Amino acid sequence: MGSIAGGGSSTTGDDRTEEQKEADKKLAERLSALIEDANSRVVPICKMIRTHIENMDARKDEDKNEDELVRQVKPLLQQAEKILGETEGMVKGADPDNRLSNKAKRHTEAHAATPEEQRLAAALKVMLEEVGGTIEWARNKLDSFPKAKKDLGPLLDALGQPLTQIVGGVMLLLTGVLNLLGKLLSGLGLDSLLKGIVAATGLDKLYNSLGLGKWLGGK
């Protein structure tokens, strides 16, 4: 909507046409719905994983049972990975006109964040905080349970893979989401999680080449 624009609005340094803005808006809404749906299912699972590990950790040494812990946590990790795997597929499917490869070529200017992008960044923050945070937390906690860690460690790694692809994929589609998400996470001390994902997906090189890497430099 907004004012008439032949090309893009020059007031915000936004080089997108009105059609591109509308397409970005719809895409952000679609992605937000996908991420929010995944969160509604995966966040309770993450809480259960933490509860099982905390409960076992609180037991007296002689009552701790690593096999029991594996039996409790393994199916939850597998369930969470399945949800994120499906979501990853849907994020890729939300890219009908191959914007994943085209977007970066045309989007050289960061624009003011739209409400749709803010909603999307907030949903991604929840996913990273809950899933990424649980993966890191569980890895540390399981140091006290070496036998369980041997079984559960690879599942934690496996859960991290679709998380990386989801966040990386969204940020490739909508470059403006990175700075928003970085700010949200740095307030929680979790921005290193995001920087790891950005590096793992090669986004750091892309963002730097587009002049959008200011946040990655450590701000």
N, C-alpha and C. Protein backbone atom coordinates (compact mmCIF):
# COMPACT_ATOMS: atom_id res chain seq x y z
N MET A 1 0.85 -1.16 0.00
CA MET A 1 0.00 0.00 0.00
C MET A 1 0.90 1.23 0.00
N GLY A 2 0.73 2.18 0.90
CA GLY A 2 1.68 3.29 0.99
C GLY A 2 1.61 4.19 -0.23
N SER A 3 2.66 4.97 -0.42
CA SER A 3 2.65 5.98 -1.47
C SER A 3 2.97 5.37 -2.82
N ILE A 4 2.70 6.14 -3.84
CA ILE A 4 3.00 5.69 -5.19
C ILE A 4 4.51 5.58 -5.35
N ALA A 5 4.93 4.57 -6.06
CA ALA A 5 6.36 4.41 -6.26
C ALA A 5 6.59 3.75 -7.59
N GLY A 6 7.34 4.40 -8.42
CA GLY A 6 7.67 3.79 -9.70
C GLY A 6 8.66 2.69 -9.47
N GLY A 7 9.73 2.98 -8.72
CA GLY A 7 10.71 1.95 -8.41
C GLY A 7 10.54 1.58 -6.97
N GLY A 8 11.49 1.99 -6.13
CA GLY A 8 11.36 1.71 -4.71
C GLY A 8 11.31 3.02 -3.98
N SER A 9 11.09 2.96 -2.70
CA SER A 9 11.05 4.18 -1.91
C SER A 9 12.47 4.58 -1.57
N SER A 10 12.84 5.79 -1.94
CA SER A 10 14.22 6.21 -1.70
C SER A 10 14.40 6.73 -0.29
N THR A 11 13.29 6.97 0.42
CA THR A 11 13.42 7.58 1.74
C THR A 11 14.13 6.66 2.72
N THR A 12 13.96 5.37 2.61
CA THR A 12 14.59 4.46 3.56
C THR A 12 15.77 3.72 2.94
N GLY A 13 16.19 4.16 1.77
CA GLY A 13 17.26 3.43 1.09
C GLY A 13 16.77 2.07 0.62
N ASP A 14 15.47 1.96 0.41
CA ASP A 14 14.85 0.68 0.02
C ASP A 14 14.75 0.64 -1.50
N ASP A 15 15.45 -0.31 -2.10
CA ASP A 15 15.47 -0.34 -3.57
C ASP A 15 14.42 -1.28 -4.16
N ARG A 16 13.47 -1.72 -3.33
CA ARG A 16 12.47 -2.67 -3.83
C ARG A 16 11.31 -1.95 -4.52
N THR A 17 10.76 -2.60 -5.54
CA THR A 17 9.54 -2.08 -6.15
C THR A 17 8.37 -2.41 -5.23
N GLU A 18 7.21 -1.81 -5.52
CA GLU A 18 6.02 -2.10 -4.71
C GLU A 18 5.67 -3.58 -4.79
N GLU A 19 5.84 -4.17 -5.99
CA GLU A 19 5.54 -5.60 -6.14
C GLU A 19 6.47 -6.44 -5.26
N GLN A 20 7.74 -6.05 -5.25
CA GLN A 20 8.69 -6.81 -4.43
C GLN A 20 8.37 -6.66 -2.94
N LYS A 21 7.98 -5.46 -2.55
CA LYS A 21 7.61 -5.25 -1.14
C LYS A 21 6.43 -6.12 -0.75
N GLU A 22 5.44 -6.17 -1.65
CA GLU A 22 4.25 -6.98 -1.38
C GLU A 22 4.61 -8.46 -1.32
N ALA A 23 5.48 -8.88 -2.25
CA ALA A 23 5.91 -10.29 -2.26
C ALA A 23 6.68 -10.62 -0.98
N ASP A 24 7.55 -9.70 -0.55
CA ASP A 24 8.30 -9.91 0.70
C ASP A 24 7.37 -9.99 1.90
N LYS A 25 6.35 -9.13 1.88
CA LYS A 25 5.39 -9.11 2.99
C LYS A 25 4.67 -10.46 3.09
N LYS A 26 4.19 -10.93 1.94
CA LYS A 26 3.46 -12.21 1.93
C LYS A 26 4.38 -13.36 2.34
N LEU A 27 5.62 -13.31 1.86
CA LEU A 27 6.57 -14.36 2.20
C LEU A 27 6.86 -14.36 3.70
N ALA A 28 7.06 -13.17 4.27
CA ALA A 28 7.33 -13.07 5.71
C ALA A 28 6.15 -13.61 6.51
N GLU A 29 4.94 -13.31 6.06
CA GLU A 29 3.75 -13.81 6.76
C GLU A 29 3.68 -15.33 6.69
N ARG A 30 3.98 -15.87 5.50
CA ARG A 30 3.92 -17.32 5.32
C ARG A 30 4.98 -18.02 6.19
N LEU A 31 6.18 -17.47 6.18
CA LEU A 31 7.27 -18.06 6.96
C LEU A 31 6.99 -17.94 8.46
N SER A 32 6.43 -16.81 8.88
CA SER A 32 6.09 -16.63 10.30
C SER A 32 5.12 -17.70 10.75
N ALA A 33 4.11 -17.95 9.93
CA ALA A 33 3.10 -18.96 10.29
C ALA A 33 3.75 -20.34 10.42
N LEU A 34 4.67 -20.65 9.52
CA LEU A 34 5.37 -21.95 9.58
C LEU A 34 6.20 -22.07 10.85
N ILE A 35 6.97 -21.02 11.15
CA ILE A 35 7.86 -21.07 12.32
C ILE A 35 7.04 -21.09 13.60
N GLU A 36 5.98 -20.29 13.65
CA GLU A 36 5.14 -20.26 14.85
C GLU A 36 4.47 -21.61 15.09
N ASP A 37 4.03 -22.25 14.00
CA ASP A 37 3.42 -23.58 14.14
C ASP A 37 4.44 -24.58 14.68
N ALA A 38 5.64 -24.55 14.12
CA ALA A 38 6.70 -25.46 14.60
C ALA A 38 7.00 -25.19 16.08
N ASN A 39 7.08 -23.91 16.44
CA ASN A 39 7.36 -23.56 17.84
C ASN A 39 6.29 -24.11 18.77
N SER A 40 5.04 -24.02 18.34
CA SER A 40 3.95 -24.47 19.22
C SER A 40 4.08 -25.96 19.53
N ARG A 41 4.73 -26.70 18.63
CA ARG A 41 4.89 -28.14 18.86
C ARG A 41 6.24 -28.49 19.47
N VAL A 42 7.27 -27.74 19.12
CA VAL A 42 8.62 -28.13 19.53
C VAL A 42 9.02 -27.55 20.90
N VAL A 43 8.47 -26.39 21.25
CA VAL A 43 8.85 -25.77 22.53
C VAL A 43 8.45 -26.66 23.72
N PRO A 44 7.23 -27.22 23.74
CA PRO A 44 6.89 -28.11 24.86
C PRO A 44 7.81 -29.34 24.94
N ILE A 45 8.25 -29.83 23.78
CA ILE A 45 9.17 -30.98 23.76
C ILE A 45 10.50 -30.58 24.39
N CYS A 46 10.99 -29.39 24.04
CA CYS A 46 12.26 -28.92 24.61
C CYS A 46 12.16 -28.80 26.13
N LYS A 47 11.02 -28.33 26.60
CA LYS A 47 10.82 -28.20 28.05
C LYS A 47 10.84 -29.58 28.72
N MET A 48 10.24 -30.57 28.05
CA MET A 48 10.23 -31.94 28.59
C MET A 48 11.64 -32.52 28.63
N ILE A 49 12.42 -32.24 27.59
CA ILE A 49 13.81 -32.73 27.55
C ILE A 49 14.58 -32.16 28.74
N ARG A 50 14.43 -30.86 28.96
CA ARG A 50 15.13 -30.22 30.08
C ARG A 50 14.67 -30.81 31.42
N THR A 51 13.37 -31.02 31.54
CA THR A 51 12.83 -31.55 32.80
C THR A 51 13.39 -32.93 33.11
N HIS A 52 13.41 -33.80 32.10
CA HIS A 52 13.94 -35.16 32.32
C HIS A 52 15.41 -35.12 32.75
N ILE A 53 16.19 -34.29 32.07
CA ILE A 53 17.62 -34.23 32.40
C ILE A 53 17.81 -33.61 33.80
N GLU A 54 17.05 -32.57 34.09
CA GLU A 54 17.16 -31.93 35.42
C GLU A 54 16.76 -32.90 36.53
N ASN A 55 15.68 -33.63 36.30
CA ASN A 55 15.20 -34.58 37.32
C ASN A 55 16.24 -35.67 37.59
N MET A 56 16.84 -36.16 36.51
CA MET A 56 17.85 -37.21 36.69
C MET A 56 19.09 -36.64 37.38
N ASP A 57 19.43 -35.42 37.01
CA ASP A 57 20.61 -34.77 37.59
C ASP A 57 20.42 -34.52 39.10
N ALA A 58 19.16 -34.31 39.49
CA ALA A 58 18.87 -34.00 40.89
C ALA A 58 18.87 -35.25 41.78
N ARG A 59 18.85 -36.41 41.17
CA ARG A 59 18.84 -37.64 41.97
C ARG A 59 20.18 -37.86 42.67
N LYS A 60 20.13 -38.63 43.74
CA LYS A 60 21.39 -39.04 44.37
C LYS A 60 22.17 -39.89 43.38
N ASP A 61 23.48 -39.85 43.51
CA ASP A 61 24.33 -40.57 42.55
C ASP A 61 23.92 -42.03 42.38
N GLU A 62 23.61 -42.68 43.50
CA GLU A 62 23.29 -44.11 43.40
C GLU A 62 21.95 -44.37 42.70
N ASP A 63 21.12 -43.32 42.61
CA ASP A 63 19.81 -43.49 41.97
C ASP A 63 19.80 -43.04 40.50
N LYS A 64 20.90 -42.46 40.06
CA LYS A 64 20.94 -41.99 38.66
C LYS A 64 21.00 -43.19 37.72
N ASN A 65 20.21 -43.11 36.65
CA ASN A 65 20.11 -44.24 35.72
C ASN A 65 20.21 -43.69 34.29
N GLU A 66 21.36 -43.89 33.69
CA GLU A 66 21.59 -43.31 32.36
C GLU A 66 20.73 -43.97 31.29
N ASP A 67 20.49 -45.27 31.44
CA ASP A 67 19.63 -45.96 30.46
C ASP A 67 18.21 -45.40 30.50
N GLU A 68 17.75 -45.15 31.70
CA GLU A 68 16.41 -44.57 31.85
C GLU A 68 16.36 -43.17 31.21
N LEU A 69 17.42 -42.41 31.41
CA LEU A 69 17.48 -41.06 30.84
C LEU A 69 17.43 -41.13 29.31
N VAL A 70 18.17 -42.06 28.74
CA VAL A 70 18.16 -42.22 27.28
C VAL A 70 16.75 -42.59 26.81
N ARG A 71 16.11 -43.51 27.52
CA ARG A 71 14.75 -43.94 27.14
C ARG A 71 13.77 -42.76 27.18
N GLN A 72 13.97 -41.87 28.13
CA GLN A 72 13.07 -40.72 28.27
C GLN A 72 13.32 -39.66 27.19
N VAL A 73 14.60 -39.38 26.94
CA VAL A 73 14.95 -38.22 26.12
C VAL A 73 15.05 -38.54 24.63
N LYS A 74 15.49 -39.75 24.31
CA LYS A 74 15.72 -40.10 22.90
C LYS A 74 14.48 -39.89 22.02
N PRO A 75 13.30 -40.43 22.41
CA PRO A 75 12.13 -40.23 21.54
C PRO A 75 11.73 -38.76 21.41
N LEU A 76 12.00 -37.98 22.44
CA LEU A 76 11.67 -36.55 22.38
C LEU A 76 12.57 -35.83 21.38
N LEU A 77 13.86 -36.16 21.41
CA LEU A 77 14.78 -35.56 20.44
C LEU A 77 14.41 -35.95 19.02
N GLN A 78 14.03 -37.21 18.85
CA GLN A 78 13.64 -37.68 17.50
C GLN A 78 12.37 -36.97 17.02
N GLN A 79 11.45 -36.78 17.95
CA GLN A 79 10.19 -36.09 17.62
C GLN A 79 10.47 -34.63 17.23
N ALA A 80 11.33 -33.98 18.00
CA ALA A 80 11.66 -32.57 17.71
C ALA A 80 12.37 -32.46 16.36
N GLU A 81 13.26 -33.41 16.09
CA GLU A 81 13.97 -33.37 14.80
C GLU A 81 12.99 -33.56 13.64
N LYS A 82 12.01 -34.44 13.83
CA LYS A 82 11.01 -34.68 12.77
C LYS A 82 10.22 -33.40 12.48
N ILE A 83 9.82 -32.71 13.54
CA ILE A 83 9.05 -31.46 13.37
C ILE A 83 9.89 -30.43 12.61
N LEU A 84 11.15 -30.27 13.04
CA LEU A 84 12.00 -29.27 12.39
C LEU A 84 12.35 -29.69 10.96
N GLY A 85 12.50 -30.99 10.74
CA GLY A 85 12.77 -31.48 9.38
C GLY A 85 11.62 -31.15 8.44
N GLU A 86 10.39 -31.36 8.93
CA GLU A 86 9.21 -31.02 8.12
C GLU A 86 9.15 -29.51 7.87
N THR A 87 9.47 -28.75 8.90
CA THR A 87 9.43 -27.28 8.78
C THR A 87 10.48 -26.80 7.78
N GLU A 88 11.65 -27.42 7.83
CA GLU A 88 12.71 -27.06 6.87
C GLU A 88 12.22 -27.25 5.44
N GLY A 89 11.55 -28.39 5.20
CA GLY A 89 11.01 -28.66 3.87
C GLY A 89 9.98 -27.61 3.46
N MET A 90 9.16 -27.18 4.42
CA MET A 90 8.12 -26.19 4.11
C MET A 90 8.73 -24.80 3.87
N VAL A 91 9.81 -24.49 4.59
CA VAL A 91 10.49 -23.21 4.35
C VAL A 91 11.04 -23.19 2.92
N LYS A 92 11.63 -24.31 2.51
CA LYS A 92 12.13 -24.38 1.13
C LYS A 92 10.97 -24.29 0.14
N GLY A 93 9.85 -24.92 0.49
CA GLY A 93 8.68 -24.90 -0.38
C GLY A 93 8.02 -23.53 -0.45
N ALA A 94 8.34 -22.67 0.50
CA ALA A 94 7.75 -21.32 0.51
C ALA A 94 8.49 -20.39 -0.44
N ASP A 95 9.37 -20.97 -1.25
CA ASP A 95 10.21 -20.19 -2.16
C ASP A 95 9.86 -20.54 -3.60
N PRO A 96 8.61 -20.25 -4.01
CA PRO A 96 8.13 -20.76 -5.29
C PRO A 96 8.89 -20.24 -6.51
N ASP A 97 9.32 -18.99 -6.47
CA ASP A 97 9.99 -18.46 -7.66
C ASP A 97 11.50 -18.40 -7.49
N ASN A 98 12.01 -19.35 -6.73
CA ASN A 98 13.46 -19.52 -6.60
C ASN A 98 14.15 -18.26 -6.08
N ARG A 99 13.50 -17.60 -5.14
CA ARG A 99 14.08 -16.39 -4.58
C ARG A 99 15.36 -16.68 -3.81
N LEU A 100 15.51 -17.92 -3.33
CA LEU A 100 16.71 -18.24 -2.55
C LEU A 100 17.97 -17.89 -3.33
N SER A 101 17.93 -18.11 -4.65
CA SER A 101 19.12 -17.76 -5.41
C SER A 101 19.03 -16.35 -6.00
N ASN A 102 17.81 -15.88 -6.26
CA ASN A 102 17.68 -14.57 -6.92
C ASN A 102 17.75 -13.40 -5.95
N LYS A 103 17.22 -13.61 -4.76
CA LYS A 103 17.05 -12.50 -3.82
C LYS A 103 18.38 -11.79 -3.54
N ALA A 104 19.40 -12.58 -3.28
CA ALA A 104 20.67 -11.99 -2.89
C ALA A 104 21.22 -11.09 -3.99
N LYS A 105 20.94 -11.45 -5.22
CA LYS A 105 21.49 -10.67 -6.33
C LYS A 105 20.89 -9.27 -6.39
N ARG A 106 19.61 -9.16 -6.02
CA ARG A 106 18.98 -7.86 -6.21
C ARG A 106 18.94 -7.02 -4.94
N HIS A 107 19.16 -7.65 -3.80
CA HIS A 107 18.93 -6.93 -2.55
C HIS A 107 20.23 -6.44 -1.95
N THR A 108 20.67 -5.29 -2.36
CA THR A 108 21.95 -4.81 -1.87
C THR A 108 21.80 -3.79 -0.77
N GLU A 109 20.57 -3.42 -0.47
CA GLU A 109 20.36 -2.36 0.52
C GLU A 109 19.43 -2.87 1.61
N ALA A 110 19.85 -2.76 2.85
CA ALA A 110 18.95 -3.14 3.94
C ALA A 110 17.86 -2.09 4.04
N HIS A 111 16.63 -2.53 4.28
CA HIS A 111 15.54 -1.57 4.41
C HIS A 111 15.02 -1.59 5.84
N ALA A 112 14.23 -0.59 6.17
CA ALA A 112 13.64 -0.56 7.51
C ALA A 112 12.78 -1.80 7.69
N ALA A 113 12.90 -2.42 8.86
CA ALA A 113 12.17 -3.67 9.10
C ALA A 113 10.67 -3.43 9.07
N THR A 114 9.98 -4.32 8.40
CA THR A 114 8.52 -4.23 8.33
C THR A 114 7.92 -4.98 9.53
N PRO A 115 6.66 -4.72 9.85
CA PRO A 115 6.01 -5.47 10.94
C PRO A 115 6.04 -6.98 10.69
N GLU A 116 5.90 -7.37 9.41
CA GLU A 116 5.91 -8.80 9.08
C GLU A 116 7.28 -9.41 9.38
N GLU A 117 8.34 -8.65 9.06
CA GLU A 117 9.69 -9.15 9.35
C GLU A 117 9.96 -9.18 10.85
N GLN A 118 9.38 -8.22 11.56
CA GLN A 118 9.55 -8.21 13.02
C GLN A 118 8.87 -9.44 13.64
N ARG A 119 7.70 -9.77 13.13
CA ARG A 119 7.00 -10.96 13.63
C ARG A 119 7.83 -12.21 13.33
N LEU A 120 8.39 -12.27 12.14
CA LEU A 120 9.20 -13.42 11.75
C LEU A 120 10.45 -13.53 12.61
N ALA A 121 11.12 -12.41 12.84
CA ALA A 121 12.32 -12.42 13.69
C ALA A 121 11.97 -12.89 15.10
N ALA A 122 10.81 -12.46 15.60
CA ALA A 122 10.39 -12.86 16.95
C ALA A 122 10.15 -14.38 17.01
N ALA A 123 9.55 -14.93 15.96
CA ALA A 123 9.30 -16.38 15.92
C ALA A 123 10.62 -17.15 15.84
N LEU A 124 11.55 -16.64 15.04
CA LEU A 124 12.86 -17.30 14.93
C LEU A 124 13.63 -17.22 16.24
N LYS A 125 13.47 -16.09 16.93
CA LYS A 125 14.14 -15.93 18.23
C LYS A 125 13.67 -17.01 19.20
N VAL A 126 12.36 -17.26 19.22
CA VAL A 126 11.82 -18.31 20.10
C VAL A 126 12.41 -19.67 19.72
N MET A 127 12.45 -19.94 18.42
CA MET A 127 12.97 -21.24 17.97
C MET A 127 14.44 -21.40 18.35
N LEU A 128 15.22 -20.36 18.12
CA LEU A 128 16.65 -20.44 18.45
C LEU A 128 16.87 -20.52 19.95
N GLU A 129 16.10 -19.73 20.68
CA GLU A 129 16.26 -19.69 22.13
C GLU A 129 15.89 -21.05 22.74
N GLU A 130 14.77 -21.61 22.27
CA GLU A 130 14.28 -22.85 22.86
C GLU A 130 15.02 -24.08 22.34
N VAL A 131 15.11 -24.20 21.02
CA VAL A 131 15.73 -25.40 20.45
C VAL A 131 17.26 -25.30 20.54
N GLY A 132 17.80 -24.20 19.99
CA GLY A 132 19.26 -24.03 20.05
C GLY A 132 19.76 -23.97 21.48
N GLY A 133 19.01 -23.25 22.31
CA GLY A 133 19.40 -23.14 23.73
C GLY A 133 19.35 -24.48 24.43
N THR A 134 18.34 -25.29 24.12
CA THR A 134 18.22 -26.61 24.75
C THR A 134 19.35 -27.54 24.29
N ILE A 135 19.70 -27.45 23.01
CA ILE A 135 20.80 -28.29 22.50
C ILE A 135 22.09 -27.98 23.26
N GLU A 136 22.41 -26.68 23.37
CA GLU A 136 23.64 -26.28 24.08
C GLU A 136 23.58 -26.69 25.55
N TRP A 137 22.46 -26.41 26.17
CA TRP A 137 22.28 -26.71 27.59
C TRP A 137 22.40 -28.21 27.85
N ALA A 138 21.74 -29.01 27.00
CA ALA A 138 21.75 -30.46 27.20
C ALA A 138 23.16 -31.02 26.99
N ARG A 139 23.87 -30.49 26.01
CA ARG A 139 25.26 -30.95 25.79
C ARG A 139 26.08 -30.78 27.07
N ASN A 140 25.95 -29.62 27.68
CA ASN A 140 26.72 -29.36 28.91
C ASN A 140 26.27 -30.26 30.05
N LYS A 141 24.96 -30.37 30.22
CA LYS A 141 24.42 -31.18 31.32
C LYS A 141 24.80 -32.65 31.18
N LEU A 142 24.84 -33.13 29.94
CA LEU A 142 25.10 -34.55 29.71
C LEU A 142 26.56 -34.92 29.95
N ASP A 143 27.41 -33.93 30.20
CA ASP A 143 28.79 -34.24 30.58
C ASP A 143 28.81 -35.10 31.85
N SER A 144 27.80 -34.92 32.68
CA SER A 144 27.71 -35.72 33.92
C SER A 144 27.19 -37.13 33.65
N PHE A 145 26.72 -37.37 32.43
CA PHE A 145 26.15 -38.68 32.07
C PHE A 145 26.83 -39.19 30.80
N PRO A 146 28.09 -39.62 30.91
CA PRO A 146 28.86 -39.96 29.70
C PRO A 146 28.22 -41.05 28.84
N LYS A 147 27.60 -42.03 29.49
CA LYS A 147 26.98 -43.13 28.72
C LYS A 147 25.77 -42.59 27.94
N ALA A 148 24.96 -41.80 28.61
CA ALA A 148 23.79 -41.21 27.94
C ALA A 148 24.23 -40.24 26.85
N LYS A 149 25.32 -39.52 27.11
CA LYS A 149 25.79 -38.54 26.13
C LYS A 149 26.20 -39.23 24.83
N LYS A 150 26.75 -40.44 24.97
CA LYS A 150 27.16 -41.18 23.77
C LYS A 150 25.95 -41.48 22.89
N ASP A 151 24.83 -41.80 23.53
CA ASP A 151 23.60 -42.09 22.78
C ASP A 151 22.88 -40.83 22.32
N LEU A 152 22.85 -39.84 23.18
CA LEU A 152 22.03 -38.65 22.91
C LEU A 152 22.78 -37.56 22.16
N GLY A 153 24.11 -37.54 22.28
CA GLY A 153 24.91 -36.50 21.61
C GLY A 153 24.65 -36.42 20.11
N PRO A 154 24.69 -37.57 19.40
CA PRO A 154 24.42 -37.52 17.95
C PRO A 154 23.01 -37.02 17.63
N LEU A 155 22.05 -37.31 18.51
CA LEU A 155 20.68 -36.84 18.28
C LEU A 155 20.58 -35.33 18.48
N LEU A 156 21.36 -34.81 19.42
CA LEU A 156 21.40 -33.35 19.61
C LEU A 156 22.01 -32.69 18.37
N ASP A 157 23.07 -33.32 17.84
CA ASP A 157 23.68 -32.79 16.60
C ASP A 157 22.66 -32.82 15.46
N ALA A 158 21.93 -33.94 15.38
CA ALA A 158 20.95 -34.10 14.29
C ALA A 158 19.85 -33.05 14.40
N LEU A 159 19.45 -32.73 15.62
CA LEU A 159 18.41 -31.71 15.82
C LEU A 159 18.90 -30.33 15.40
N GLY A 160 20.20 -30.10 15.56
CA GLY A 160 20.75 -28.80 15.18
C GLY A 160 20.77 -28.57 13.68
N GLN A 161 20.77 -29.65 12.90
CA GLN A 161 20.90 -29.48 11.44
C GLN A 161 19.69 -28.79 10.80
N PRO A 162 18.46 -29.29 11.03
CA PRO A 162 17.33 -28.56 10.42
C PRO A 162 17.16 -27.16 11.00
N LEU A 163 17.53 -26.98 12.27
CA LEU A 163 17.46 -25.64 12.88
C LEU A 163 18.34 -24.68 12.09
N THR A 164 19.56 -25.12 11.80
CA THR A 164 20.50 -24.30 11.04
C THR A 164 19.93 -23.97 9.66
N GLN A 165 19.36 -24.98 9.00
CA GLN A 165 18.84 -24.77 7.65
C GLN A 165 17.61 -23.86 7.63
N ILE A 166 16.76 -23.99 8.66
CA ILE A 166 15.56 -23.14 8.74
C ILE A 166 15.97 -21.68 8.90
N VAL A 167 16.81 -21.42 9.89
CA VAL A 167 17.20 -20.03 10.17
C VAL A 167 18.00 -19.47 8.99
N GLY A 168 18.92 -20.26 8.47
CA GLY A 168 19.72 -19.81 7.33
C GLY A 168 18.85 -19.55 6.11
N GLY A 169 17.90 -20.45 5.87
CA GLY A 169 17.02 -20.30 4.71
C GLY A 169 16.16 -19.05 4.79
N VAL A 170 15.60 -18.80 5.97
CA VAL A 170 14.77 -17.61 6.15
C VAL A 170 15.59 -16.35 5.93
N MET A 171 16.81 -16.34 6.46
CA MET A 171 17.62 -15.13 6.35
C MET A 171 18.12 -14.91 4.92
N LEU A 172 18.21 -15.98 4.15
CA LEU A 172 18.55 -15.81 2.74
C LEU A 172 17.38 -15.20 1.98
N LEU A 173 16.17 -15.64 2.35
CA LEU A 173 14.98 -15.14 1.66
C LEU A 173 14.69 -13.69 2.03
N LEU A 174 14.88 -13.36 3.29
CA LEU A 174 14.55 -12.01 3.76
C LEU A 174 15.75 -11.47 4.55
N THR A 175 16.63 -10.80 3.83
CA THR A 175 17.90 -10.38 4.43
C THR A 175 17.71 -9.46 5.63
N GLY A 176 16.62 -8.70 5.65
CA GLY A 176 16.41 -7.75 6.74
C GLY A 176 16.21 -8.39 8.10
N VAL A 177 15.96 -9.70 8.11
CA VAL A 177 15.65 -10.37 9.37
C VAL A 177 16.92 -10.57 10.23
N LEU A 178 18.09 -10.59 9.60
CA LEU A 178 19.32 -10.90 10.34
C LEU A 178 19.58 -9.90 11.47
N ASN A 179 19.58 -8.61 11.14
CA ASN A 179 19.89 -7.61 12.17
C ASN A 179 18.86 -7.62 13.29
N LEU A 180 17.59 -7.77 12.90
CA LEU A 180 16.52 -7.85 13.90
C LEU A 180 16.76 -9.00 14.86
N LEU A 181 17.04 -10.15 14.29
CA LEU A 181 17.23 -11.36 15.09
C LEU A 181 18.49 -11.23 15.94
N GLY A 182 19.53 -10.65 15.35
CA GLY A 182 20.77 -10.44 16.10
C GLY A 182 20.55 -9.60 17.34
N LYS A 183 19.75 -8.54 17.18
CA LYS A 183 19.48 -7.66 18.34
C LYS A 183 18.68 -8.40 19.40
N LEU A 184 17.67 -9.14 18.96
CA LEU A 184 16.84 -9.88 19.92
C LEU A 184 17.67 -10.88 20.71
N LEU A 185 18.56 -11.57 20.01
CA LEU A 185 19.34 -12.63 20.66
C LEU A 185 20.49 -12.09 21.49
N SER A 186 21.07 -10.96 21.06
CA SER A 186 22.20 -10.44 21.84
C SER A 186 21.73 -10.00 23.22
N GLY A 187 20.47 -9.57 23.31
CA GLY A 187 19.91 -9.22 24.61
C GLY A 187 19.83 -10.42 25.54
N LEU A 188 19.82 -11.62 24.95
CA LEU A 188 19.73 -12.85 25.75
C LEU A 188 21.09 -13.53 25.87
N GLY A 189 22.10 -12.92 25.26
CA GLY A 189 23.43 -13.55 25.26
C GLY A 189 23.49 -14.76 24.34
N LEU A 190 22.59 -14.82 23.36
CA LEU A 190 22.53 -15.99 22.48
C LEU A 190 22.97 -15.66 21.05
N ASP A 191 23.54 -14.46 20.84
CA ASP A 191 23.87 -14.11 19.46
C ASP A 191 24.98 -15.00 18.89
N SER A 192 25.78 -15.64 19.76
CA SER A 192 26.82 -16.53 19.23
C SER A 192 26.19 -17.73 18.51
N LEU A 193 25.01 -18.15 18.98
CA LEU A 193 24.27 -19.23 18.31
C LEU A 193 23.95 -18.83 16.87
N LEU A 194 23.47 -17.61 16.72
CA LEU A 194 23.09 -17.12 15.40
C LEU A 194 24.32 -16.96 14.51
N LYS A 195 25.39 -16.44 15.08
CA LYS A 195 26.61 -16.26 14.29
C LYS A 195 27.14 -17.61 13.81
N GLY A 196 27.00 -18.63 14.65
CA GLY A 196 27.42 -19.98 14.25
C GLY A 196 26.61 -20.48 13.06
N ILE A 197 25.30 -20.22 13.09
CA ILE A 197 24.42 -20.64 12.00
C ILE A 197 24.76 -19.88 10.72
N VAL A 198 24.98 -18.58 10.88
CA VAL A 198 25.31 -17.75 9.72
C VAL A 198 26.60 -18.25 9.06
N ALA A 199 27.58 -18.59 9.88
CA ALA A 199 28.85 -19.10 9.33
C ALA A 199 28.65 -20.48 8.71
N ALA A 200 27.86 -21.33 9.38
CA ALA A 200 27.67 -22.71 8.90
C ALA A 200 26.96 -22.76 7.56
N THR A 201 26.11 -21.78 7.29
CA THR A 201 25.35 -21.78 6.03
C THR A 201 26.00 -20.91 4.96
N GLY A 202 27.17 -20.34 5.28
CA GLY A 202 27.86 -19.50 4.30
C GLY A 202 27.24 -18.13 4.13
N LEU A 203 26.29 -17.80 5.02
CA LEU A 203 25.61 -16.51 4.90
C LEU A 203 26.54 -15.34 5.22
N ASP A 204 27.57 -15.61 6.03
CA ASP A 204 28.47 -14.51 6.39
C ASP A 204 29.14 -13.93 5.14
N LYS A 205 29.54 -14.83 4.24
CA LYS A 205 30.20 -14.35 3.00
C LYS A 205 29.21 -13.56 2.15
N LEU A 206 27.99 -14.08 2.05
CA LEU A 206 26.97 -13.41 1.24
C LEU A 206 26.65 -12.04 1.82
N TYR A 207 26.40 -11.98 3.12
CA TYR A 207 26.03 -10.71 3.74
C TYR A 207 27.16 -9.69 3.62
N ASN A 208 28.39 -10.15 3.79
CA ASN A 208 29.52 -9.23 3.66
C ASN A 208 29.62 -8.71 2.23
N SER A 209 29.39 -9.58 1.26
CA SER A 209 29.50 -9.15 -0.14
C SER A 209 28.40 -8.15 -0.49
N LEU A 210 27.29 -8.20 0.25
CA LEU A 210 26.20 -7.25 0.01
C LEU A 210 26.31 -6.01 0.89
N GLY A 211 27.35 -5.97 1.70
CA GLY A 211 27.48 -4.83 2.60
C GLY A 211 26.51 -4.89 3.77
N LEU A 212 26.00 -6.09 4.05
CA LEU A 212 25.03 -6.23 5.14
C LEU A 212 25.65 -6.92 6.35
N GLY A 213 26.96 -7.00 6.37
CA GLY A 213 27.62 -7.79 7.42
C GLY A 213 28.02 -7.01 8.65
N LYS A 214 27.46 -5.80 8.81
CA LYS A 214 27.87 -4.96 9.96
C LYS A 214 27.67 -5.68 11.28
N TRP A 215 26.51 -6.32 11.42
CA TRP A 215 26.21 -7.00 12.68
C TRP A 215 27.18 -8.15 12.94
N LEU A 216 27.61 -8.81 11.85
CA LEU A 216 28.51 -9.96 12.00
C LEU A 216 29.88 -9.54 12.51
N GLY A 217 30.21 -8.30 12.27
CA GLY A 217 31.53 -7.83 12.68
C GLY A 217 31.69 -7.75 14.18
N GLY A 218 30.62 -8.03 14.90
CA GLY A 218 30.75 -8.07 16.34
C GLY A 218 29.87 -7.09 17.06
N LYS A 219 29.13 -6.30 16.29
CA LYS A 219 28.20 -5.37 16.96
C LYS A 219 27.10 -6.17 17.60
